[in-house]
C-alpha atoms as a PDB file:
ATOM      1  CA  MET A   1      38.341 140.013 -48.739  1.00  0.00           C
ATOM      2  CA  SER A   2      38.556 136.925 -50.896  1.00  0.00           C
ATOM      3  CA  SER A   3      41.238 136.271 -53.460  1.00  0.00           C
ATOM      4  CA  TYR A   4      41.475 133.892 -56.354  1.00  0.00           C
ATOM      5  CA  THR A   5      44.325 132.338 -58.265  1.00  0.00           C
ATOM      6  CA  LEU A   6      43.196 132.854 -61.814  1.00  0.00           C
ATOM      7  CA  PRO A   7      43.832 130.194 -64.446  1.00  0.00           C
ATOM      8  CA  HIS A   8      46.312 131.458 -67.009  1.00  0.00           C
ATOM      9  CA  PRO A   9      45.365 129.880 -70.332  1.00  0.00           C
ATOM     10  CA  THR A  10      48.007 130.318 -72.993  1.00  0.00           C
ATOM     11  CA  ASP A  11      46.247 128.099 -75.528  1.00  0.00           C
ATOM     12  CA  PRO A  12      43.017 129.373 -77.127  1.00  0.00           C
ATOM     13  CA  SER A  13      41.661 125.812 -77.056  1.00  0.00           C
ATOM     14  CA  GLU A  14      41.068 126.201 -73.324  1.00  0.00           C
ATOM     15  CA  ALA A  15      38.152 128.518 -74.063  1.00  0.00           C
ATOM     16  CA  GLY A  16      37.659 127.906 -77.746  1.00  0.00           C
ATOM     17  CA  ASP A  17      39.152 130.206 -80.346  1.00  0.00           C
ATOM     18  CA  PHE A  18      38.952 133.594 -78.641  1.00  0.00           C
ATOM     19  CA  SER A  19      40.310 137.083 -79.230  1.00  0.00           C
ATOM     20  CA  ILE A  20      40.721 140.117 -76.976  1.00  0.00           C
ATOM     21  CA  PHE A  21      38.764 143.304 -77.540  1.00  0.00           C
ATOM     22  CA  THR A  22      37.447 146.489 -76.041  1.00  0.00           C
ATOM     23  CA  SER A  23      34.412 148.660 -76.784  1.00  0.00           C
ATOM     24  CA  LEU A  24      34.812 152.417 -76.890  1.00  0.00           C
ATOM     25  CA  ARG A  25      32.919 155.502 -77.905  1.00  0.00           C
ATOM     26  CA  TYR A  26      33.735 157.816 -80.791  1.00  0.00           C
ATOM     27  CA  ASP A  27      32.004 161.144 -80.241  1.00  0.00           C
ATOM     28  CA  PRO A  28      32.863 164.484 -81.920  1.00  0.00           C
ATOM     29  CA  GLN A  29      31.758 166.406 -78.814  1.00  0.00           C
ATOM     30  CA  LEU A  30      34.734 164.913 -76.952  1.00  0.00           C
ATOM     31  CA  LEU A  31      36.961 167.245 -78.966  1.00  0.00           C
ATOM     32  CA  SER A  32      35.699 169.995 -76.642  1.00  0.00           C
ATOM     33  CA  SER A  33      36.237 167.978 -73.449  1.00  0.00           C
ATOM     34  CA  PRO A  34      39.416 168.845 -71.520  1.00  0.00           C
ATOM     35  CA  ALA A  35      38.603 165.948 -69.168  1.00  0.00           C
ATOM     36  CA  ASN A  36      38.830 163.475 -72.033  1.00  0.00           C
ATOM     37  CA  THR A  37      42.072 164.965 -73.336  1.00  0.00           C
ATOM     38  CA  THR A  38      43.642 164.671 -69.882  1.00  0.00           C
ATOM     39  CA  ALA A  39      42.286 161.181 -69.221  1.00  0.00           C
ATOM     40  CA  SER A  40      43.511 159.964 -72.607  1.00  0.00           C
ATOM     41  CA  SER A  41      47.121 161.006 -71.847  1.00  0.00           C
ATOM     42  CA  LEU A  42      47.217 163.337 -74.847  1.00  0.00           C
ATOM     43  CA  SER A  43      48.266 166.922 -75.444  1.00  0.00           C
ATOM     44  CA  ALA A  44      45.576 167.470 -78.099  1.00  0.00           C
ATOM     45  CA  PRO A  45      41.841 166.709 -78.014  1.00  0.00           C
ATOM     46  CA  THR A  46      40.576 163.341 -79.258  1.00  0.00           C
ATOM     47  CA  PRO A  47      37.090 162.166 -80.213  1.00  0.00           C
ATOM     48  CA  PHE A  48      37.761 158.742 -78.652  1.00  0.00           C
ATOM     49  CA  TYR A  49      36.475 158.245 -75.099  1.00  0.00           C
ATOM     50  CA  LEU A  50      39.221 157.317 -72.596  1.00  0.00           C
ATOM     51  CA  LEU A  51      41.495 156.373 -75.481  1.00  0.00           C
ATOM     52  CA  SER A  52      44.628 155.322 -73.601  1.00  0.00           C
ATOM     53  CA  HIS A  53      42.594 153.384 -71.034  1.00  0.00           C
ATOM     54  CA  HIS A  54      41.230 151.191 -73.818  1.00  0.00           C
ATOM     55  CA  ARG A  55      44.639 150.619 -75.342  1.00  0.00           C
ATOM     56  CA  ASP A  56      46.024 149.776 -71.897  1.00  0.00           C
ATOM     57  CA  ARG A  57      43.314 147.205 -71.137  1.00  0.00           C
ATOM     58  CA  MET A  58      43.887 145.444 -74.453  1.00  0.00           C
ATOM     59  CA  LEU A  59      47.640 145.382 -73.885  1.00  0.00           C
ATOM     60  CA  ALA A  60      47.191 143.970 -70.362  1.00  0.00           C
ATOM     61  CA  ALA A  61      44.932 141.224 -71.717  1.00  0.00           C
ATOM     62  CA  ALA A  62      47.341 140.382 -74.530  1.00  0.00           C
ATOM     63  CA  ILE A  63      50.218 140.052 -72.071  1.00  0.00           C
ATOM     64  CA  HIS A  64      48.122 137.945 -69.687  1.00  0.00           C
ATOM     65  CA  PHE A  65      47.156 135.530 -72.451  1.00  0.00           C
ATOM     66  CA  SER A  66      50.771 135.348 -73.702  1.00  0.00           C
ATOM     67  CA  TYR A  67      50.127 136.834 -77.130  1.00  0.00           C
ATOM     68  CA  PRO A  68      53.282 136.817 -79.297  1.00  0.00           C
ATOM     69  CA  LEU A  69      55.151 140.132 -79.302  1.00  0.00           C
ATOM     70  CA  VAL A  70      54.620 140.563 -83.024  1.00  0.00           C
ATOM     71  CA  ALA A  71      50.853 140.258 -82.529  1.00  0.00           C
ATOM     72  CA  ILE A  72      50.675 143.120 -80.026  1.00  0.00           C
ATOM     73  CA  SER A  73      52.898 145.639 -81.801  1.00  0.00           C
ATOM     74  CA  ILE A  74      49.826 147.752 -82.643  1.00  0.00           C
ATOM     75  CA  LEU A  75      49.169 148.156 -78.903  1.00  0.00           C
ATOM     76  CA  HIS A  76      52.630 149.436 -78.047  1.00  0.00           C
ATOM     77  CA  SER A  77      52.081 152.658 -79.990  1.00  0.00           C
ATOM     78  CA  LEU A  78      49.143 154.828 -78.927  1.00  0.00           C
ATOM     79  CA  GLU A  79      49.607 156.834 -82.130  1.00  0.00           C
ATOM     80  CA  ALA A  80      49.332 153.738 -84.333  1.00  0.00           C
ATOM     81  CA  TYR A  81      46.357 152.458 -82.317  1.00  0.00           C
ATOM     82  CA  THR A  82      44.596 155.827 -82.713  1.00  0.00           C
ATOM     83  CA  GLN A  83      45.296 155.919 -86.432  1.00  0.00           C
ATOM     84  CA  ARG A  84      43.636 152.545 -86.927  1.00  0.00           C
ATOM     85  CA  LEU A  85      40.589 153.700 -84.967  1.00  0.00           C
ATOM     86  CA  GLN A  86      40.344 156.870 -87.058  1.00  0.00           C
ATOM     87  CA  GLU A  87      40.638 154.873 -90.265  1.00  0.00           C
ATOM     88  CA  ALA A  88      37.686 152.745 -89.140  1.00  0.00           C
ATOM     89  CA  VAL A  89      35.628 155.868 -88.442  1.00  0.00           C
ATOM     90  CA  ASP A  90      36.528 157.380 -91.819  1.00  0.00           C
ATOM     91  CA  ALA A  91      35.565 154.169 -93.615  1.00  0.00           C
ATOM     92  CA  CYS A  92      32.242 153.518 -91.893  1.00  0.00           C
ATOM     93  CA  THR A  93      28.964 154.334 -93.597  1.00  0.00           C
ATOM     94  CA  TYR A  94      27.429 156.159 -90.626  1.00  0.00           C
ATOM     95  CA  GLY A  95      29.467 159.355 -91.023  1.00  0.00           C
ATOM     96  CA  ARG A  96      31.938 161.108 -88.752  1.00  0.00           C
ATOM     97  CA  GLU A  97      29.481 163.602 -87.294  1.00  0.00           C
ATOM     98  CA  ARG A  98      27.550 161.159 -85.104  1.00  0.00           C
ATOM     99  CA  PRO A  99      28.586 159.042 -82.100  1.00  0.00           C
ATOM    100  CA  LEU A 100      29.773 155.526 -82.818  1.00  0.00           C
ATOM    101  CA  LYS A 101      30.624 152.374 -80.937  1.00  0.00           C
ATOM    102  CA  LEU A 102      33.995 150.973 -81.972  1.00  0.00           C
ATOM    103  CA  ARG A 103      34.972 147.400 -81.184  1.00  0.00           C
ATOM    104  CA  PRO A 104      38.679 146.801 -81.898  1.00  0.00           C
ATOM    105  CA  ILE A 105      39.478 143.072 -81.861  1.00  0.00           C
ATOM    106  CA  LEU A 106      42.960 141.549 -81.746  1.00  0.00           C
ATOM    107  CA  THR A 107      43.616 137.892 -82.540  1.00  0.00           C
ATOM    108  CA  ARG A 108      46.553 135.853 -81.290  1.00  0.00           C
ATOM    109  CA  GLN A 109      47.916 135.878 -84.837  1.00  0.00           C
ATOM    110  CA  GLY A 110      47.972 139.694 -84.870  1.00  0.00           C
ATOM    111  CA  GLY A 111      44.820 140.269 -86.896  1.00  0.00           C
ATOM    112  CA  PHE A 112      43.368 143.650 -85.900  1.00  0.00           C
ATOM    113  CA  THR A 113      39.825 144.488 -86.988  1.00  0.00           C
ATOM    114  CA  ILE A 114      37.445 147.210 -85.856  1.00  0.00           C
ATOM    115  CA  GLU A 115      33.660 146.903 -85.909  1.00  0.00           C
ATOM    116  CA  THR A 116      31.551 150.087 -85.932  1.00  0.00           C
ATOM    117  CA  SER A 117      27.918 150.763 -85.103  1.00  0.00           C
ATOM    118  CA  PRO A 118      25.888 153.945 -84.440  1.00  0.00           C
ATOM    119  CA  MET A 119      25.160 155.124 -80.914  1.00  0.00           C
ATOM    120  CA  PRO A 120      22.680 157.678 -79.541  1.00  0.00           C
ATOM    121  CA  PRO A 121      24.011 160.986 -78.238  1.00  0.00           C
ATOM    122  CA  VAL A 122      24.626 161.454 -74.517  1.00  0.00           C
ATOM    123  CA  PRO A 123      25.658 164.616 -72.637  1.00  0.00           C
ATOM    124  CA  LEU A 124      29.293 165.057 -71.644  1.00  0.00           C
ATOM    125  CA  SER A 125      28.127 164.994 -68.018  1.00  0.00           C
ATOM    126  CA  GLN A 126      27.217 161.308 -68.523  1.00  0.00           C
ATOM    127  CA  LEU A 127      30.720 160.545 -69.776  1.00  0.00           C
ATOM    128  CA  PHE A 128      32.540 162.612 -67.140  1.00  0.00           C
ATOM    129  CA  PRO A 129      30.223 163.036 -64.130  1.00  0.00           C
ATOM    130  CA  GLN A 130      31.233 165.220 -61.216  1.00  0.00           C
ATOM    131  CA  SER A 131      29.765 162.643 -58.835  1.00  0.00           C
ATOM    132  CA  LEU A 132      27.954 159.321 -59.091  1.00  0.00           C
ATOM    133  CA  LEU A 133      24.777 160.550 -57.426  1.00  0.00           C
ATOM    134  CA  PRO A 134      22.266 160.116 -60.266  1.00  0.00           C
ATOM    135  CA  ASP A 135      19.096 162.024 -60.944  1.00  0.00           C
ATOM    136  CA  PRO A 136      16.315 159.627 -59.829  1.00  0.00           C
ATOM    137  CA  ALA A 137      14.169 160.782 -62.742  1.00  0.00           C
ATOM    138  CA  SER A 138      16.771 159.508 -65.206  1.00  0.00           C
ATOM    139  CA  MET A 139      17.222 156.090 -63.584  1.00  0.00           C
ATOM    140  CA  GLU A 140      15.187 154.089 -66.051  1.00  0.00           C
ATOM    141  CA  TRP A 141      17.244 150.901 -66.071  1.00  0.00           C
ATOM    142  CA  GLN A 142      16.325 147.728 -64.226  1.00  0.00           C
ATOM    143  CA  ILE A 143      19.165 145.931 -62.444  1.00  0.00           C
ATOM    144  CA  VAL A 144      18.719 142.240 -61.656  1.00  0.00           C
ATOM    145  CA  VAL A 145      20.996 139.975 -59.644  1.00  0.00           C
ATOM    146  CA  ASP A 146      21.942 136.722 -61.362  1.00  0.00           C
ATOM    147  CA  THR A 147      20.253 133.598 -60.025  1.00  0.00           C
ATOM    148  CA  GLN A 148      23.445 131.538 -59.746  1.00  0.00           C
ATOM    149  CA  PRO A 149      27.149 132.209 -59.125  1.00  0.00           C
ATOM    150  CA  THR A 150      29.827 132.557 -61.784  1.00  0.00           C
ATOM    151  CA  ALA A 151      33.322 131.201 -61.197  1.00  0.00           C
ATOM    152  CA  PRO A 152      35.999 133.897 -61.556  1.00  0.00           C
ATOM    153  CA  SER A 153      38.601 133.213 -64.231  1.00  0.00           C
ATOM    154  CA  SER A 154      40.845 134.941 -66.728  1.00  0.00           C
ATOM    155  CA  PHE A 155      37.744 135.308 -68.895  1.00  0.00           C
ATOM    156  CA  THR A 156      35.967 137.387 -66.259  1.00  0.00           C
ATOM    157  CA  ASN A 157      39.064 139.457 -65.432  1.00  0.00           C
ATOM    158  CA  PHE A 158      39.836 140.310 -69.067  1.00  0.00           C
ATOM    159  CA  LYS A 159      37.603 141.277 -71.979  1.00  0.00           C
ATOM    160  CA  THR A 160      37.581 138.533 -74.599  1.00  0.00           C
ATOM    161  CA  THR A 161      35.240 137.180 -77.224  1.00  0.00           C
ATOM    162  CA  ALA A 162      34.655 134.128 -74.978  1.00  0.00           C
ATOM    163  CA  ARG A 163      31.367 135.587 -73.724  1.00  0.00           C
ATOM    164  CA  ASP A 164      29.235 132.501 -72.992  1.00  0.00           C
ATOM    165  CA  ILE A 165      29.177 133.138 -69.238  1.00  0.00           C
ATOM    166  CA  TYR A 166      27.853 136.658 -69.758  1.00  0.00           C
ATOM    167  CA  ASN A 167      25.307 135.575 -72.356  1.00  0.00           C
ATOM    168  CA  ALA A 168      24.058 132.883 -69.965  1.00  0.00           C
ATOM    169  CA  ALA A 169      23.701 135.422 -67.143  1.00  0.00           C
ATOM    170  CA  ARG A 170      21.735 137.755 -69.415  1.00  0.00           C
ATOM    171  CA  GLU A 171      19.430 134.914 -70.411  1.00  0.00           C
ATOM    172  CA  ARG A 172      18.816 133.990 -66.774  1.00  0.00           C
ATOM    173  CA  GLY A 173      18.098 137.664 -66.078  1.00  0.00           C
ATOM    174  CA  GLY A 174      15.396 137.750 -68.729  1.00  0.00           C
ATOM    175  CA  ILE A 175      17.318 140.149 -70.991  1.00  0.00           C
ATOM    176  CA  LYS A 176      16.160 139.431 -74.518  1.00  0.00           C
ATOM    177  CA  SER A 177      17.887 142.182 -76.489  1.00  0.00           C
ATOM    178  CA  TRP A 178      20.714 144.722 -76.240  1.00  0.00           C
ATOM    179  CA  ALA A 179      17.949 147.302 -76.628  1.00  0.00           C
ATOM    180  CA  ASP A 180      16.485 146.247 -73.261  1.00  0.00           C
ATOM    181  CA  MET A 181      17.122 148.825 -70.536  1.00  0.00           C
ATOM    182  CA  LYS A 182      18.180 146.084 -68.168  1.00  0.00           C
ATOM    183  CA  GLU A 183      21.447 144.750 -66.738  1.00  0.00           C
ATOM    184  CA  VAL A 184      22.350 141.653 -64.707  1.00  0.00           C
ATOM    185  CA  VAL A 185      24.922 141.582 -61.903  1.00  0.00           C
ATOM    186  CA  LEU A 186      27.209 138.530 -61.785  1.00  0.00           C
ATOM    187  CA  TRP A 187      28.460 137.232 -58.429  1.00  0.00           C
ATOM    188  CA  ASN A 188      30.895 134.572 -57.251  1.00  0.00           C
ATOM    189  CA  GLU A 189      30.521 131.601 -54.916  1.00  0.00           C
ATOM    190  CA  ASN A 190      31.336 133.799 -51.907  1.00  0.00           C
ATOM    191  CA  ASN A 191      28.237 135.922 -52.632  1.00  0.00           C
ATOM    192  CA  GLU A 192      30.444 138.810 -53.811  1.00  0.00           C
ATOM    193  CA  ALA A 193      29.278 140.927 -56.724  1.00  0.00           C
ATOM    194  CA  MET A 194      31.722 140.866 -59.647  1.00  0.00           C
ATOM    195  CA  GLU A 195      30.316 143.147 -62.371  1.00  0.00           C
ATOM    196  CA  GLY A 196      27.476 143.503 -64.829  1.00  0.00           C
ATOM    197  CA  SER A 197      27.272 141.591 -68.087  1.00  0.00           C
ATOM    198  CA  PHE A 198      28.668 144.608 -69.936  1.00  0.00           C
ATOM    199  CA  THR A 199      29.169 147.201 -67.214  1.00  0.00           C
ATOM    200  CA  THR A 200      31.040 148.045 -64.044  1.00  0.00           C
ATOM    201  CA  VAL A 201      28.768 148.237 -61.000  1.00  0.00           C
ATOM    202  CA  TYR A 202      28.809 150.894 -58.244  1.00  0.00           C
ATOM    203  CA  VAL A 203      26.735 150.843 -55.058  1.00  0.00           C
ATOM    204  CA  PRO A 204      26.407 153.386 -52.233  1.00  0.00           C
ATOM    205  CA  GLN A 205      27.867 152.490 -48.847  1.00  0.00           C
ATOM    206  CA  GLY A 206      27.134 155.283 -46.412  1.00  0.00           C
ATOM    207  CA  GLU A 207      28.322 158.489 -48.088  1.00  0.00           C
ATOM    208  CA  GLU A 208      30.690 156.691 -50.466  1.00  0.00           C
ATOM    209  CA  TRP A 209      30.300 154.775 -53.700  1.00  0.00           C
ATOM    210  CA  ILE A 210      31.921 151.339 -53.883  1.00  0.00           C
ATOM    211  CA  THR A 211      32.860 149.199 -56.860  1.00  0.00           C
ATOM    212  CA  PRO A 212      33.687 145.496 -56.429  1.00  0.00           C
ATOM    213  CA  VAL A 213      37.354 144.706 -55.849  1.00  0.00           C
ATOM    214  CA  VAL A 214      39.162 142.946 -58.687  1.00  0.00           C
ATOM    215  CA  GLU A 215      39.725 139.980 -56.354  1.00  0.00           C
ATOM    216  CA  SER A 216      35.983 139.304 -56.540  1.00  0.00           C
ATOM    217  CA  GLY A 217      36.525 138.293 -60.156  1.00  0.00           C
ATOM    218  CA  GLY A 218      35.383 141.157 -62.392  1.00  0.00           C
ATOM    219  CA  GLN A 219      37.173 143.251 -64.986  1.00  0.00           C
ATOM    220  CA  GLN A 220      39.167 146.434 -64.553  1.00  0.00           C
ATOM    221  CA  GLY A 221      36.985 148.445 -66.907  1.00  0.00           C
ATOM    222  CA  THR A 222      38.012 151.746 -68.454  1.00  0.00           C
ATOM    223  CA  THR A 223      35.323 153.858 -66.790  1.00  0.00           C
ATOM    224  CA  ARG A 224      35.984 152.046 -63.505  1.00  0.00           C
ATOM    225  CA  ARG A 225      39.640 153.061 -63.766  1.00  0.00           C
ATOM    226  CA  TRP A 226      38.693 156.682 -64.489  1.00  0.00           C
ATOM    227  CA  ALA A 227      36.250 156.810 -61.566  1.00  0.00           C
ATOM    228  CA  LEU A 228      38.896 155.427 -59.185  1.00  0.00           C
ATOM    229  CA  GLU A 229      41.592 157.764 -60.503  1.00  0.00           C
ATOM    230  CA  ASN A 230      39.331 160.754 -59.954  1.00  0.00           C
ATOM    231  CA  GLY A 231      38.146 159.810 -56.473  1.00  0.00           C
ATOM    232  CA  LEU A 232      34.507 159.239 -57.354  1.00  0.00           C
ATOM    233  CA  VAL A 233      34.531 155.702 -55.969  1.00  0.00           C
ATOM    234  CA  LYS A 234      36.497 153.290 -53.806  1.00  0.00           C
ATOM    235  CA  GLU A 235      37.037 149.568 -54.138  1.00  0.00           C
ATOM    236  CA  GLY A 236      35.356 147.223 -51.708  1.00  0.00           C
ATOM    237  CA  VAL A 237      33.591 143.901 -51.326  1.00  0.00           C
ATOM    238  CA  VAL A 238      29.944 144.138 -52.398  1.00  0.00           C
ATOM    239  CA  ARG A 239      27.882 141.238 -51.097  1.00  0.00           C
ATOM    240  CA  ILE A 240      24.676 140.396 -52.893  1.00  0.00           C
ATOM    241  CA  SER A 241      22.991 139.272 -49.690  1.00  0.00           C
ATOM    242  CA  GLU A 242      23.334 142.611 -47.928  1.00  0.00           C
ATOM    243  CA  GLU A 243      21.942 146.153 -48.149  1.00  0.00           C
ATOM    244  CA  GLU A 244      23.735 147.260 -51.328  1.00  0.00           C
ATOM    245  CA  LEU A 245      21.918 145.025 -53.798  1.00  0.00           C
ATOM    246  CA  LYS A 246      18.538 144.484 -52.198  1.00  0.00           C
ATOM    247  CA  LYS A 247      15.414 145.127 -54.264  1.00  0.00           C
ATOM    248  CA  GLY A 248      14.642 148.795 -54.630  1.00  0.00           C
ATOM    249  CA  SER A 249      18.197 149.954 -54.036  1.00  0.00           C
ATOM    250  CA  CYS A 250      20.038 152.375 -56.285  1.00  0.00           C
ATOM    251  CA  VAL A 251      22.879 151.171 -58.509  1.00  0.00           C
ATOM    252  CA  VAL A 252      25.088 153.074 -60.956  1.00  0.00           C
ATOM    253  CA  VAL A 253      26.677 151.242 -63.875  1.00  0.00           C
ATOM    254  CA  SER A 254      29.188 152.349 -66.494  1.00  0.00           C
ATOM    255  CA  ASN A 255      31.089 151.288 -69.572  1.00  0.00           C
ATOM    256  CA  GLY A 256      33.396 152.730 -72.208  1.00  0.00           C
ATOM    257  CA  VAL A 257      30.618 153.356 -74.727  1.00  0.00           C
ATOM    258  CA  ARG A 258      27.733 154.851 -72.742  1.00  0.00           C
ATOM    259  CA  GLY A 259      29.514 156.425 -69.773  1.00  0.00           C
ATOM    260  CA  PHE A 260      27.691 156.343 -66.413  1.00  0.00           C
ATOM    261  CA  TRP A 261      23.982 155.869 -65.742  1.00  0.00           C
ATOM    262  CA  GLY A 262      21.694 154.618 -62.997  1.00  0.00           C
ATOM    263  CA  GLY A 263      19.073 152.034 -62.274  1.00  0.00           C
ATOM    264  CA  TRP A 264      17.139 150.245 -59.562  1.00  0.00           C
ATOM    265  CA  VAL A 265      17.473 146.670 -58.363  1.00  0.00           C
ATOM    266  CA  VAL A 266      14.295 144.739 -59.147  1.00  0.00           C
END
């Protein structure tokens, strides 16, 4: 297993003027999901997918990038964080009865904004699968392996608005639009898979599913955390030159907006 000493930028000028953010799903059907209530560390149902996981990842990023304490006060209270999310849902023009993507963004100065956009419905089984073995008939996505390595850094370990490396990987992978049913897998100079451009990656190894170790350079995504906590996957080194990511092989990907879905390496 490889390890990296990540740069620890404390000045936004080291990667331009960046902010930290997460992307999560608002979905009224989650109010009837005991799995989501439990995963979100709440005693009452919530329509926000993996709520506490998203708050936790933003707080970890803010601490890593040495955000001032006053700037991260919103993240120290799950109740206050949830209230701001709900206010964004109530204010959006799409209505509260349909699924939404929420993108809470926190600046170093403490500015907290939330972007909203509509999302298509998905079944609860896609958000909280019992296993990662997908239905081959539903695996419509194409998974491509990037054509060049990406150097691991704080900006691959944490979710920030400094996204040039991911945009470049998507361009090399021939992904022209977010509507494309296609994802690109980033990898480091040791030929270890890191993650997708907006997803966590899972590959079968024998009878188990493996997700790349954090030491390979990728993020600790919210759905990745849930899958590990619930024993659906294990961490391991995934090498792009071996069986797991060869053309024609099955890959599952996930994120905090769409849940889990499958595809084939092309």
